[in-house]
Amino acid sequence: MKSKESIKLGNQLRKSREGAGLSQATLAKKAGINVNYYAIIERGEKNVSYEKLQRIAKVLNIKSLDMR
């Protein structure tokens, strides 16, 4: 189920990814996660673990606290 927080996070991740000029597939590969899983996170359909969020943030070169 989509929550407001997961949708907001997904939108922020999408904006950050697009701003970095990365495709979902490229970001997922660099973060070491499955592209389908990343797409689900970006759509706000699933909560992401802290560890995976940290890996995504590292690829995007942003601090996790910036993703509010």
C-alpha atoms as a PDB file:
ATOM      1  CA  MET A   1       0.000   0.000   0.000  1.00  0.00           C
ATOM      2  CA  LYS A   2       1.242   3.458  -0.860  1.00  0.00           C
ATOM      3  CA  SER A   3       1.747   5.846   2.032  1.00  0.00           C
ATOM      4  CA  LYS A   4       2.161   9.590   1.702  1.00  0.00           C
ATOM      5  CA  GLU A   5       5.724   9.284   2.989  1.00  0.00           C
ATOM      6  CA  SER A   6       6.748   6.582   0.523  1.00  0.00           C
ATOM      7  CA  ILE A   7       5.198   8.510  -2.376  1.00  0.00           C
ATOM      8  CA  LYS A   8       6.995  11.683  -1.296  1.00  0.00           C
ATOM      9  CA  LEU A   9      10.296   9.820  -0.998  1.00  0.00           C
ATOM     10  CA  GLY A  10       9.781   8.162  -4.377  1.00  0.00           C
ATOM     11  CA  ASN A  11       9.113  11.518  -6.026  1.00  0.00           C
ATOM     12  CA  GLN A  12      12.241  12.994  -4.447  1.00  0.00           C
ATOM     13  CA  LEU A  13      14.331  10.045  -5.594  1.00  0.00           C
ATOM     14  CA  ARG A  14      12.963  10.384  -9.138  1.00  0.00           C
ATOM     15  CA  LYS A  15      13.754  14.120  -9.234  1.00  0.00           C
ATOM     16  CA  SER A  16      17.249  13.529  -7.872  1.00  0.00           C
ATOM     17  CA  ARG A  17      17.883  10.681 -10.310  1.00  0.00           C
ATOM     18  CA  GLU A  18      16.671  12.686 -13.286  1.00  0.00           C
ATOM     19  CA  GLY A  19      18.716  15.673 -12.127  1.00  0.00           C
ATOM     20  CA  ALA A  20      21.784  13.440 -12.074  1.00  0.00           C
ATOM     21  CA  GLY A  21      20.999  12.290 -15.621  1.00  0.00           C
ATOM     22  CA  LEU A  22      20.649   8.639 -14.625  1.00  0.00           C
ATOM     23  CA  SER A  23      18.167   6.052 -15.804  1.00  0.00           C
ATOM     24  CA  GLN A  24      16.481   3.798 -13.266  1.00  0.00           C
ATOM     25  CA  ALA A  25      18.546   0.895 -14.587  1.00  0.00           C
ATOM     26  CA  THR A  26      21.841   2.744 -14.214  1.00  0.00           C
ATOM     27  CA  LEU A  27      21.068   3.939 -10.707  1.00  0.00           C
ATOM     28  CA  ALA A  28      19.921   0.483  -9.622  1.00  0.00           C
ATOM     29  CA  LYS A  29      23.051  -1.148 -11.037  1.00  0.00           C
ATOM     30  CA  LYS A  30      25.361   1.359  -9.321  1.00  0.00           C
ATOM     31  CA  ALA A  31      23.458   0.921  -6.037  1.00  0.00           C
ATOM     32  CA  GLY A  32      23.546  -2.869  -6.329  1.00  0.00           C
ATOM     33  CA  ILE A  33      19.787  -3.343  -6.292  1.00  0.00           C
ATOM     34  CA  ASN A  34      17.308  -4.830  -8.741  1.00  0.00           C
ATOM     35  CA  VAL A  35      15.926  -2.309 -11.240  1.00  0.00           C
ATOM     36  CA  ASN A  36      12.361  -3.542 -10.728  1.00  0.00           C
ATOM     37  CA  TYR A  37      12.722  -3.087  -6.971  1.00  0.00           C
ATOM     38  CA  TYR A  38      14.065   0.431  -7.495  1.00  0.00           C
ATOM     39  CA  ALA A  39      11.122   1.300  -9.779  1.00  0.00           C
ATOM     40  CA  ILE A  40       8.697   0.119  -7.086  1.00  0.00           C
ATOM     41  CA  ILE A  41      10.427   2.352  -4.532  1.00  0.00           C
ATOM     42  CA  GLU A  42      10.317   5.317  -6.884  1.00  0.00           C
ATOM     43  CA  ARG A  43       6.587   4.812  -7.449  1.00  0.00           C
ATOM     44  CA  GLY A  44       6.073   4.790  -3.687  1.00  0.00           C
ATOM     45  CA  GLU A  45       4.683   1.267  -3.673  1.00  0.00           C
ATOM     46  CA  LYS A  46       7.118  -0.156  -1.145  1.00  0.00           C
ATOM     47  CA  ASN A  47       9.101   1.119   1.782  1.00  0.00           C
ATOM     48  CA  VAL A  48      12.838   0.993   1.299  1.00  0.00           C
ATOM     49  CA  SER A  49      15.256  -0.296   3.912  1.00  0.00           C
ATOM     50  CA  TYR A  50      17.711   2.133   5.453  1.00  0.00           C
ATOM     51  CA  GLU A  51      20.634   0.221   3.954  1.00  0.00           C
ATOM     52  CA  LYS A  52      19.244   0.384   0.424  1.00  0.00           C
ATOM     53  CA  LEU A  53      18.315   4.036   0.854  1.00  0.00           C
ATOM     54  CA  GLN A  54      21.903   4.762   1.880  1.00  0.00           C
ATOM     55  CA  ARG A  55      23.206   2.991  -1.241  1.00  0.00           C
ATOM     56  CA  ILE A  56      20.834   4.975  -3.460  1.00  0.00           C
ATOM     57  CA  ALA A  57      21.773   8.235  -1.754  1.00  0.00           C
ATOM     58  CA  LYS A  58      25.471   7.472  -2.244  1.00  0.00           C
ATOM     59  CA  VAL A  59      24.962   6.985  -6.006  1.00  0.00           C
ATOM     60  CA  LEU A  60      23.006  10.258  -6.150  1.00  0.00           C
ATOM     61  CA  ASN A  61      25.651  11.988  -4.011  1.00  0.00           C
ATOM     62  CA  ILE A  62      23.061  13.272  -1.534  1.00  0.00           C
ATOM     63  CA  LYS A  63      22.589  12.949   2.200  1.00  0.00           C
ATOM     64  CA  SER A  64      19.640  10.817   3.224  1.00  0.00           C
ATOM     65  CA  LEU A  65      18.349  13.658   5.398  1.00  0.00           C
ATOM     66  CA  ASP A  66      17.980  15.746   2.240  1.00  0.00           C
ATOM     67  CA  MET A  67      15.276  13.358   1.039  1.00  0.00           C
ATOM     68  CA  ARG A  68      12.430  14.681   3.175  1.00  0.00           C
END
